[in-house]
Structure formats: C-alpha cells, structure tokens
Amino acid sequence: RIHSEEYRTCAIGSSVQPASHSFGTILNTSITES
C-alpha cells in the first residue's frame, strides 16, 4: 500500500476536502495545535 490506488485517489485531490471554516478559525486551530 505504499502507492496503492486508494491513496493515489487522495493524491489527485478527490477525497481530501479543504476545511470550510473561516480564516480566523483555521488560524486559531493552527496556532493551538502548533
């Protein structure tokens, strides 16, 4: 599964969706986790 088709699908962007939160929420979450 190092380059399996399942993860190849992720690599072309079809199964990983960007967060729909506001910029402020994304920034706050990133700062907290970092």
PDB file of all heavy atoms in Angstrom:
ATOM      1  N   ARG A   1       0.801  -1.213   0.000  1.00  0.00           N
ATOM      2  CA  ARG A   1       0.000   0.000   0.000  1.00  0.00           C
ATOM      3  C   ARG A   1       0.840   1.272   0.000  1.00  0.00           C
ATOM      4  O   ARG A   1       0.361   2.329   0.347  1.00  0.00           O
ATOM      5  CB  ARG A   1      -0.934   0.020   1.219  1.00  0.00           C
ATOM      6  CG  ARG A   1      -1.902  -1.161   1.259  1.00  0.00           C
ATOM      7  CD  ARG A   1      -2.775  -1.114   2.491  1.00  0.00           C
ATOM      8  NE  ARG A   1      -3.744  -0.042   2.436  1.00  0.00           N
ATOM      9  CZ  ARG A   1      -4.479   0.370   3.484  1.00  0.00           C
ATOM     10  NH1 ARG A   1      -4.310  -0.193   4.652  1.00  0.00           N
ATOM     11  NH2 ARG A   1      -5.346   1.345   3.362  1.00  0.00           N
ATOM     12  N   ILE A   2       2.118   1.143  -0.378  1.00  0.00           N
ATOM     13  CA  ILE A   2       2.937   2.358  -0.341  1.00  0.00           C
ATOM     14  C   ILE A   2       2.465   3.376  -1.367  1.00  0.00           C
ATOM     15  O   ILE A   2       2.479   4.573  -1.128  1.00  0.00           O
ATOM     16  CB  ILE A   2       4.440   2.026  -0.549  1.00  0.00           C
ATOM     17  CG1 ILE A   2       5.284   3.290  -0.323  1.00  0.00           C
ATOM     18  CG2 ILE A   2       4.711   1.425  -1.914  1.00  0.00           C
ATOM     19  CD1 ILE A   2       6.746   3.037  -0.266  1.00  0.00           C
ATOM     20  N   HIS A   3       2.028   2.931  -2.535  1.00  0.00           N
ATOM     21  CA  HIS A   3       1.432   3.825  -3.536  1.00  0.00           C
ATOM     22  C   HIS A   3       0.150   3.193  -4.069  1.00  0.00           C
ATOM     23  O   HIS A   3      -0.063   3.105  -5.279  1.00  0.00           O
ATOM     24  CB  HIS A   3       2.394   4.071  -4.704  1.00  0.00           C
ATOM     25  CG  HIS A   3       3.524   4.972  -4.339  1.00  0.00           C
ATOM     26  ND1 HIS A   3       4.760   4.865  -4.918  1.00  0.00           N
ATOM     27  CD2 HIS A   3       3.622   5.983  -3.451  1.00  0.00           C
ATOM     28  CE1 HIS A   3       5.582   5.773  -4.396  1.00  0.00           C
ATOM     29  NE2 HIS A   3       4.910   6.456  -3.512  1.00  0.00           N
ATOM     30  N   SER A   4      -0.701   2.709  -3.159  1.00  0.00           N
ATOM     31  CA  SER A   4      -1.903   1.998  -3.580  1.00  0.00           C
ATOM     32  C   SER A   4      -2.882   2.939  -4.273  1.00  0.00           C
ATOM     33  O   SER A   4      -2.831   4.154  -4.116  1.00  0.00           O
ATOM     34  CB  SER A   4      -2.585   1.344  -2.374  1.00  0.00           C
ATOM     35  OG  SER A   4      -3.094   2.321  -1.499  1.00  0.00           O
ATOM     36  N   GLU A   5      -3.809   2.382  -4.999  1.00  0.00           N
ATOM     37  CA  GLU A   5      -4.779   3.176  -5.746  1.00  0.00           C
ATOM     38  C   GLU A   5      -5.649   4.006  -4.815  1.00  0.00           C
ATOM     39  O   GLU A   5      -6.054   5.117  -5.144  1.00  0.00           O
ATOM     40  CB  GLU A   5      -5.657   2.245  -6.600  1.00  0.00           C
ATOM     41  CG  GLU A   5      -6.517   2.985  -7.615  1.00  0.00           C
ATOM     42  CD  GLU A   5      -5.665   3.731  -8.643  1.00  0.00           C
ATOM     43  OE1 GLU A   5      -4.547   3.254  -8.947  1.00  0.00           O
ATOM     44  OE2 GLU A   5      -6.099   4.797  -9.105  1.00  0.00           O
ATOM     45  N   GLU A   6      -5.912   3.449  -3.616  1.00  0.00           N
ATOM     46  CA  GLU A   6      -6.727   4.184  -2.644  1.00  0.00           C
ATOM     47  C   GLU A   6      -6.089   5.522  -2.289  1.00  0.00           C
ATOM     48  O   GLU A   6      -6.752   6.558  -2.237  1.00  0.00           O
ATOM     49  CB  GLU A   6      -6.878   3.336  -1.379  1.00  0.00           C
ATOM     50  CG  GLU A   6      -7.568   4.055  -0.218  1.00  0.00           C
ATOM     51  CD  GLU A   6      -7.507   3.231   1.057  1.00  0.00           C
ATOM     52  OE1 GLU A   6      -7.099   2.057   1.001  1.00  0.00           O
ATOM     53  OE2 GLU A   6      -7.867   3.787   2.102  1.00  0.00           O
ATOM     54  N   TYR A   7      -4.786   5.515  -2.055  1.00  0.00           N
ATOM     55  CA  TYR A   7      -4.104   6.751  -1.686  1.00  0.00           C
ATOM     56  C   TYR A   7      -3.713   7.568  -2.905  1.00  0.00           C
ATOM     57  O   TYR A   7      -3.508   8.773  -2.811  1.00  0.00           O
ATOM     58  CB  TYR A   7      -2.890   6.410  -0.811  1.00  0.00           C
ATOM     59  CG  TYR A   7      -3.323   5.888   0.524  1.00  0.00           C
ATOM     60  CD1 TYR A   7      -3.497   4.531   0.735  1.00  0.00           C
ATOM     61  CD2 TYR A   7      -3.623   6.767   1.555  1.00  0.00           C
ATOM     62  CE1 TYR A   7      -3.915   4.054   1.956  1.00  0.00           C
ATOM     63  CE2 TYR A   7      -4.044   6.298   2.778  1.00  0.00           C
ATOM     64  CZ  TYR A   7      -4.192   4.948   2.982  1.00  0.00           C
ATOM     65  OH  TYR A   7      -4.632   4.480   4.190  1.00  0.00           O
ATOM     66  N   ARG A   8      -3.614   6.925  -4.046  1.00  0.00           N
ATOM     67  CA  ARG A   8      -3.408   7.659  -5.301  1.00  0.00           C
ATOM     68  C   ARG A   8      -4.611   8.572  -5.551  1.00  0.00           C
ATOM     69  O   ARG A   8      -4.485   9.700  -6.014  1.00  0.00           O
ATOM     70  CB  ARG A   8      -3.237   6.660  -6.449  1.00  0.00           C
ATOM     71  CG  ARG A   8      -3.228   7.293  -7.837  1.00  0.00           C
ATOM     72  CD  ARG A   8      -1.947   8.048  -8.099  1.00  0.00           C
ATOM     73  NE  ARG A   8      -1.921   8.555  -9.466  1.00  0.00           N
ATOM     74  CZ  ARG A   8      -0.985   9.340  -9.928  1.00  0.00           C
ATOM     75  NH1 ARG A   8      -0.010   9.732  -9.134  1.00  0.00           N
ATOM     76  NH2 ARG A   8      -1.013   9.764 -11.170  1.00  0.00           N
ATOM     77  N   THR A   9      -5.814   8.086  -5.188  1.00  0.00           N
ATOM     78  CA  THR A   9      -7.029   8.894  -5.324  1.00  0.00           C
ATOM     79  C   THR A   9      -6.940  10.135  -4.457  1.00  0.00           C
ATOM     80  O   THR A   9      -7.306  11.237  -4.856  1.00  0.00           O
ATOM     81  CB  THR A   9      -8.257   8.066  -4.920  1.00  0.00           C
ATOM     82  OG1 THR A   9      -8.315   6.912  -5.738  1.00  0.00           O
ATOM     83  CG2 THR A   9      -9.531   8.871  -5.105  1.00  0.00           C
ATOM     84  N   CYS A  10      -6.431   9.965  -3.241  1.00  0.00           N
ATOM     85  CA  CYS A  10      -6.246  11.131  -2.371  1.00  0.00           C
ATOM     86  C   CYS A  10      -5.272  12.115  -2.985  1.00  0.00           C
ATOM     87  O   CYS A  10      -5.446  13.335  -2.882  1.00  0.00           O
ATOM     88  CB  CYS A  10      -5.711  10.686  -0.999  1.00  0.00           C
ATOM     89  SG  CYS A  10      -6.887   9.778   0.002  1.00  0.00           S
ATOM     90  N   ALA A  11      -4.216  11.596  -3.643  1.00  0.00           N
ATOM     91  CA  ALA A  11      -3.158  12.458  -4.160  1.00  0.00           C
ATOM     92  C   ALA A  11      -3.632  13.358  -5.289  1.00  0.00           C
ATOM     93  O   ALA A  11      -3.036  14.398  -5.540  1.00  0.00           O
ATOM     94  CB  ALA A  11      -1.984  11.612  -4.645  1.00  0.00           C
ATOM     95  N   ILE A  12      -4.723  12.984  -5.959  1.00  0.00           N
ATOM     96  CA  ILE A  12      -5.203  13.874  -7.016  1.00  0.00           C
ATOM     97  C   ILE A  12      -6.364  14.733  -6.530  1.00  0.00           C
ATOM     98  O   ILE A  12      -7.050  15.372  -7.307  1.00  0.00           O
ATOM     99  CB  ILE A  12      -5.613  13.071  -8.265  1.00  0.00           C
ATOM    100  CG1 ILE A  12      -6.733  12.069  -7.932  1.00  0.00           C
ATOM    101  CG2 ILE A  12      -4.424  12.364  -8.864  1.00  0.00           C
ATOM    102  CD1 ILE A  12      -7.259  11.331  -9.150  1.00  0.00           C
ATOM    103  N   GLY A  13      -6.579  14.702  -5.191  1.00  0.00           N
ATOM    104  CA  GLY A  13      -7.453  15.694  -4.591  1.00  0.00           C
ATOM    105  C   GLY A  13      -8.921  15.367  -4.587  1.00  0.00           C
ATOM    106  O   GLY A  13      -9.734  16.243  -4.309  1.00  0.00           O
ATOM    107  N   SER A  14      -9.321  14.124  -4.847  1.00  0.00           N
ATOM    108  CA  SER A  14     -10.744  13.844  -4.924  1.00  0.00           C
ATOM    109  C   SER A  14     -11.356  13.449  -3.595  1.00  0.00           C
ATOM    110  O   SER A  14     -12.553  13.549  -3.422  1.00  0.00           O
ATOM    111  CB  SER A  14     -10.992  12.719  -5.929  1.00  0.00           C
ATOM    112  OG  SER A  14     -10.318  11.544  -5.523  1.00  0.00           O
ATOM    113  N   SER A  15     -10.546  13.001  -2.629  1.00  0.00           N
ATOM    114  CA  SER A  15     -11.124  12.550  -1.380  1.00  0.00           C
ATOM    115  C   SER A  15     -10.686  13.374  -0.182  1.00  0.00           C
ATOM    116  O   SER A  15     -11.060  13.107   0.931  1.00  0.00           O
ATOM    117  CB  SER A  15     -10.774  11.075  -1.128  1.00  0.00           C
ATOM    118  OG  SER A  15      -9.386  10.925  -0.990  1.00  0.00           O
ATOM    119  N   VAL A  16      -9.830  14.358  -0.380  1.00  0.00           N
ATOM    120  CA  VAL A  16      -9.395  15.230   0.705  1.00  0.00           C
ATOM    121  C   VAL A  16      -9.943  16.615   0.442  1.00  0.00           C
ATOM    122  O   VAL A  16      -9.515  17.287  -0.494  1.00  0.00           O
ATOM    123  CB  VAL A  16      -7.849  15.271   0.804  1.00  0.00           C
ATOM    124  CG1 VAL A  16      -7.431  16.205   1.921  1.00  0.00           C
ATOM    125  CG2 VAL A  16      -7.292  13.879   1.022  1.00  0.00           C
ATOM    126  N   GLN A  17     -10.883  17.028   1.258  1.00  0.00           N
ATOM    127  CA  GLN A  17     -11.527  18.313   1.049  1.00  0.00           C
ATOM    128  C   GLN A  17     -10.951  19.352   1.994  1.00  0.00           C
ATOM    129  O   GLN A  17     -10.731  19.068   3.182  1.00  0.00           O
ATOM    130  CB  GLN A  17     -13.045  18.191   1.288  1.00  0.00           C
ATOM    131  CG  GLN A  17     -13.739  17.240   0.327  1.00  0.00           C
ATOM    132  CD  GLN A  17     -13.628  17.692  -1.114  1.00  0.00           C
ATOM    133  OE1 GLN A  17     -13.640  18.887  -1.395  1.00  0.00           O
ATOM    134  NE2 GLN A  17     -13.507  16.742  -2.026  1.00  0.00           N
ATOM    135  N   PRO A  18     -10.657  20.556   1.525  1.00  0.00           N
ATOM    136  CA  PRO A  18     -10.152  21.601   2.402  1.00  0.00           C
ATOM    137  C   PRO A  18     -11.189  21.999   3.433  1.00  0.00           C
ATOM    138  O   PRO A  18     -12.388  21.852   3.222  1.00  0.00           O
ATOM    139  CB  PRO A  18      -9.841  22.763   1.447  1.00  0.00           C
ATOM    140  CG  PRO A  18     -10.702  22.515   0.260  1.00  0.00           C
ATOM    141  CD  PRO A  18     -10.816  21.029   0.130  1.00  0.00           C
ATOM    142  N   ALA A  19     -10.714  22.486   4.574  1.00  0.00           N
ATOM    143  CA  ALA A  19     -11.617  22.903   5.638  1.00  0.00           C
ATOM    144  C   ALA A  19     -12.486  24.066   5.174  1.00  0.00           C
ATOM    145  O   ALA A  19     -12.036  24.962   4.465  1.00  0.00           O
ATOM    146  CB  ALA A  19     -10.809  23.310   6.872  1.00  0.00           C
ATOM    147  N   SER A  20     -13.764  24.024   5.566  1.00  0.00           N
ATOM    148  CA  SER A  20     -14.701  25.071   5.155  1.00  0.00           C
ATOM    149  C   SER A  20     -14.860  26.146   6.215  1.00  0.00           C
ATOM    150  O   SER A  20     -15.786  26.948   6.146  1.00  0.00           O
ATOM    151  CB  SER A  20     -16.073  24.432   4.853  1.00  0.00           C
ATOM    152  OG  SER A  20     -16.553  23.738   5.992  1.00  0.00           O
ATOM    153  N   HIS A  21     -13.979  26.149   7.213  1.00  0.00           N
ATOM    154  CA  HIS A  21     -14.066  27.130   8.283  1.00  0.00           C
ATOM    155  C   HIS A  21     -13.542  28.480   7.820  1.00  0.00           C
ATOM    156  O   HIS A  21     -12.881  28.602   6.786  1.00  0.00           O
ATOM    157  CB  HIS A  21     -13.277  26.654   9.506  1.00  0.00           C
ATOM    158  CG  HIS A  21     -13.673  25.282   9.976  1.00  0.00           C
ATOM    159  ND1 HIS A  21     -14.935  24.975  10.420  1.00  0.00           N
ATOM    160  CD2 HIS A  21     -12.955  24.133  10.054  1.00  0.00           C
ATOM    161  CE1 HIS A  21     -14.988  23.704  10.774  1.00  0.00           C
ATOM    162  NE2 HIS A  21     -13.798  23.168  10.544  1.00  0.00           N
ATOM    163  N   SER A  22     -13.818  29.495   8.631  1.00  0.00           N
ATOM    164  CA  SER A  22     -13.321  30.834   8.330  1.00  0.00           C
ATOM    165  C   SER A  22     -11.813  30.885   8.541  1.00  0.00           C
ATOM    166  O   SER A  22     -11.225  30.023   9.203  1.00  0.00           O
ATOM    167  CB  SER A  22     -14.000  31.854   9.237  1.00  0.00           C
ATOM    168  OG  SER A  22     -13.615  31.653  10.589  1.00  0.00           O
ATOM    169  N   PHE A  23     -11.202  31.931   7.988  1.00  0.00           N
ATOM    170  CA  PHE A  23      -9.752  32.098   8.125  1.00  0.00           C
ATOM    171  C   PHE A  23      -9.357  32.194   9.595  1.00  0.00           C
ATOM    172  O   PHE A  23      -8.357  31.614  10.014  1.00  0.00           O
ATOM    173  CB  PHE A  23      -9.298  33.349   7.379  1.00  0.00           C
ATOM    174  CG  PHE A  23      -7.830  33.654   7.559  1.00  0.00           C
ATOM    175  CD1 PHE A  23      -6.873  32.965   6.825  1.00  0.00           C
ATOM    176  CD2 PHE A  23      -7.406  34.603   8.484  1.00  0.00           C
ATOM    177  CE1 PHE A  23      -5.520  33.231   6.997  1.00  0.00           C
ATOM    178  CE2 PHE A  23      -6.058  34.871   8.656  1.00  0.00           C
ATOM    179  CZ  PHE A  23      -5.113  34.191   7.909  1.00  0.00           C
ATOM    180  N   GLY A  24     -10.151  32.919  10.384  1.00  0.00           N
ATOM    181  CA  GLY A  24      -9.840  33.065  11.805  1.00  0.00           C
ATOM    182  C   GLY A  24      -9.862  31.742  12.535  1.00  0.00           C
ATOM    183  O   GLY A  24      -8.994  31.466  13.384  1.00  0.00           O
ATOM    184  N   THR A  25     -10.820  30.880  12.212  1.00  0.00           N
ATOM    185  CA  THR A  25     -10.911  29.566  12.852  1.00  0.00           C
ATOM    186  C   THR A  25      -9.718  28.701  12.465  1.00  0.00           C
ATOM    187  O   THR A  25      -9.125  28.024  13.309  1.00  0.00           O
ATOM    188  CB  THR A  25     -12.221  28.867  12.453  1.00  0.00           C
ATOM    189  OG1 THR A  25     -13.328  29.681  12.844  1.00  0.00           O
ATOM    190  CG2 THR A  25     -12.329  27.506  13.117  1.00  0.00           C
ATOM    191  N   ILE A  26      -9.372  28.723  11.171  1.00  0.00           N
ATOM    192  CA  ILE A  26      -8.226  27.947  10.707  1.00  0.00           C
ATOM    193  C   ILE A  26      -6.942  28.421  11.382  1.00  0.00           C
ATOM    194  O   ILE A  26      -6.110  27.616  11.819  1.00  0.00           O
ATOM    195  CB  ILE A  26      -8.112  28.044   9.171  1.00  0.00           C
ATOM    196  CG1 ILE A  26      -9.292  27.342   8.506  1.00  0.00           C
ATOM    197  CG2 ILE A  26      -6.787  27.463   8.688  1.00  0.00           C
ATOM    198  CD1 ILE A  26      -9.356  27.524   7.001  1.00  0.00           C
ATOM    199  N   LEU A  27      -6.782  29.751  11.483  1.00  0.00           N
ATOM    200  CA  LEU A  27      -5.587  30.306  12.128  1.00  0.00           C
ATOM    201  C   LEU A  27      -5.514  29.913  13.593  1.00  0.00           C
ATOM    202  O   LEU A  27      -4.465  29.487  14.093  1.00  0.00           O
ATOM    203  CB  LEU A  27      -5.578  31.826  11.978  1.00  0.00           C
ATOM    204  CG  LEU A  27      -4.401  32.570  12.630  1.00  0.00           C
ATOM    205  CD1 LEU A  27      -3.072  32.104  12.035  1.00  0.00           C
ATOM    206  CD2 LEU A  27      -4.561  34.077  12.476  1.00  0.00           C
ATOM    207  N   ASN A  28      -6.636  30.036  14.302  1.00  0.00           N
ATOM    208  CA  ASN A  28      -6.648  29.704  15.727  1.00  0.00           C
ATOM    209  C   ASN A  28      -6.359  28.228  15.958  1.00  0.00           C
ATOM    210  O   ASN A  28      -5.600  27.856  16.871  1.00  0.00           O
ATOM    211  CB  ASN A  28      -8.005  30.073  16.342  1.00  0.00           C
ATOM    212  CG  ASN A  28      -8.172  31.570  16.513  1.00  0.00           C
ATOM    213  OD1 ASN A  28      -7.190  32.296  16.631  1.00  0.00           O
ATOM    214  ND2 ASN A  28      -9.405  32.032  16.528  1.00  0.00           N
ATOM    215  N   THR A  29      -6.957  27.381  15.131  1.00  0.00           N
ATOM    216  CA  THR A  29      -6.707  25.943  15.262  1.00  0.00           C
ATOM    217  C   THR A  29      -5.247  25.612  14.977  1.00  0.00           C
ATOM    218  O   THR A  29      -4.623  24.814  15.690  1.00  0.00           O
ATOM    219  CB  THR A  29      -7.614  25.162  14.294  1.00  0.00           C
ATOM    220  OG1 THR A  29      -8.979  25.471  14.571  1.00  0.00           O
ATOM    221  CG2 THR A  29      -7.393  23.657  14.449  1.00  0.00           C
ATOM    222  N   SER A  30      -4.688  26.240  13.956  1.00  0.00           N
ATOM    223  CA  SER A  30      -3.287  26.000  13.604  1.00  0.00           C
ATOM    224  C   SER A  30      -2.350  26.457  14.711  1.00  0.00           C
ATOM    225  O   SER A  30      -1.370  25.758  15.037  1.00  0.00           O
ATOM    226  CB  SER A  30      -2.941  26.718  12.293  1.00  0.00           C
ATOM    227  OG  SER A  30      -3.752  26.262  11.239  1.00  0.00           O
ATOM    228  N   ILE A  31      -2.641  27.611  15.303  1.00  0.00           N
ATOM    229  CA  ILE A  31      -1.805  28.120  16.399  1.00  0.00           C
ATOM    230  C   ILE A  31      -1.894  27.196  17.610  1.00  0.00           C
ATOM    231  O   ILE A  31      -0.873  26.873  18.241  1.00  0.00           O
ATOM    232  CB  ILE A  31      -2.229  29.551  16.777  1.00  0.00           C
ATOM    233  CG1 ILE A  31      -1.819  30.532  15.669  1.00  0.00           C
ATOM    234  CG2 ILE A  31      -1.620  29.963  18.114  1.00  0.00           C
ATOM    235  CD1 ILE A  31      -2.298  31.946  15.896  1.00  0.00           C
ATOM    236  N   THR A  32      -3.112  26.744  17.930  1.00  0.00           N
ATOM    237  CA  THR A  32      -3.293  25.869  19.088  1.00  0.00           C
ATOM    238  C   THR A  32      -2.540  24.558  18.917  1.00  0.00           C
ATOM    239  O   THR A  32      -1.819  24.115  19.828  1.00  0.00           O
ATOM    240  CB  THR A  32      -4.791  25.579  19.299  1.00  0.00           C
ATOM    241  OG1 THR A  32      -5.485  26.807  19.506  1.00  0.00           O
ATOM    242  CG2 THR A  32      -4.995  24.671  20.504  1.00  0.00           C
ATOM    243  N   GLU A  33      -2.686  23.922  17.758  1.00  0.00           N
ATOM    244  CA  GLU A  33      -2.008  22.642  17.525  1.00  0.00           C
ATOM    245  C   GLU A  33      -0.492  22.816  17.445  1.00  0.00           C
ATOM    246  O   GLU A  33       0.265  21.970  17.934  1.00  0.00           O
ATOM    247  CB  GLU A  33      -2.544  22.002  16.247  1.00  0.00           C
ATOM    248  CG  GLU A  33      -4.007  21.589  16.346  1.00  0.00           C
ATOM    249  CD  GLU A  33      -4.467  20.781  15.157  1.00  0.00           C
ATOM    250  OE1 GLU A  33      -3.601  20.371  14.346  1.00  0.00           O
ATOM    251  OE2 GLU A  33      -5.673  20.544  15.028  1.00  0.00           O
ATOM    252  N   SER A  34      -0.052  23.913  16.853  1.00  0.00           N
ATOM    253  CA  SER A  34       1.391  24.164  16.754  1.00  0.00           C
ATOM    254  C   SER A  34       1.986  24.474  18.121  1.00  0.00           C
ATOM    255  O   SER A  34       3.111  24.049  18.422  1.00  0.00           O
ATOM    256  CB  SER A  34       1.656  25.320  15.786  1.00  0.00           C
ATOM    257  OG  SER A  34       1.186  25.019  14.498  1.00  0.00           O
TER     258      SER A  34
END
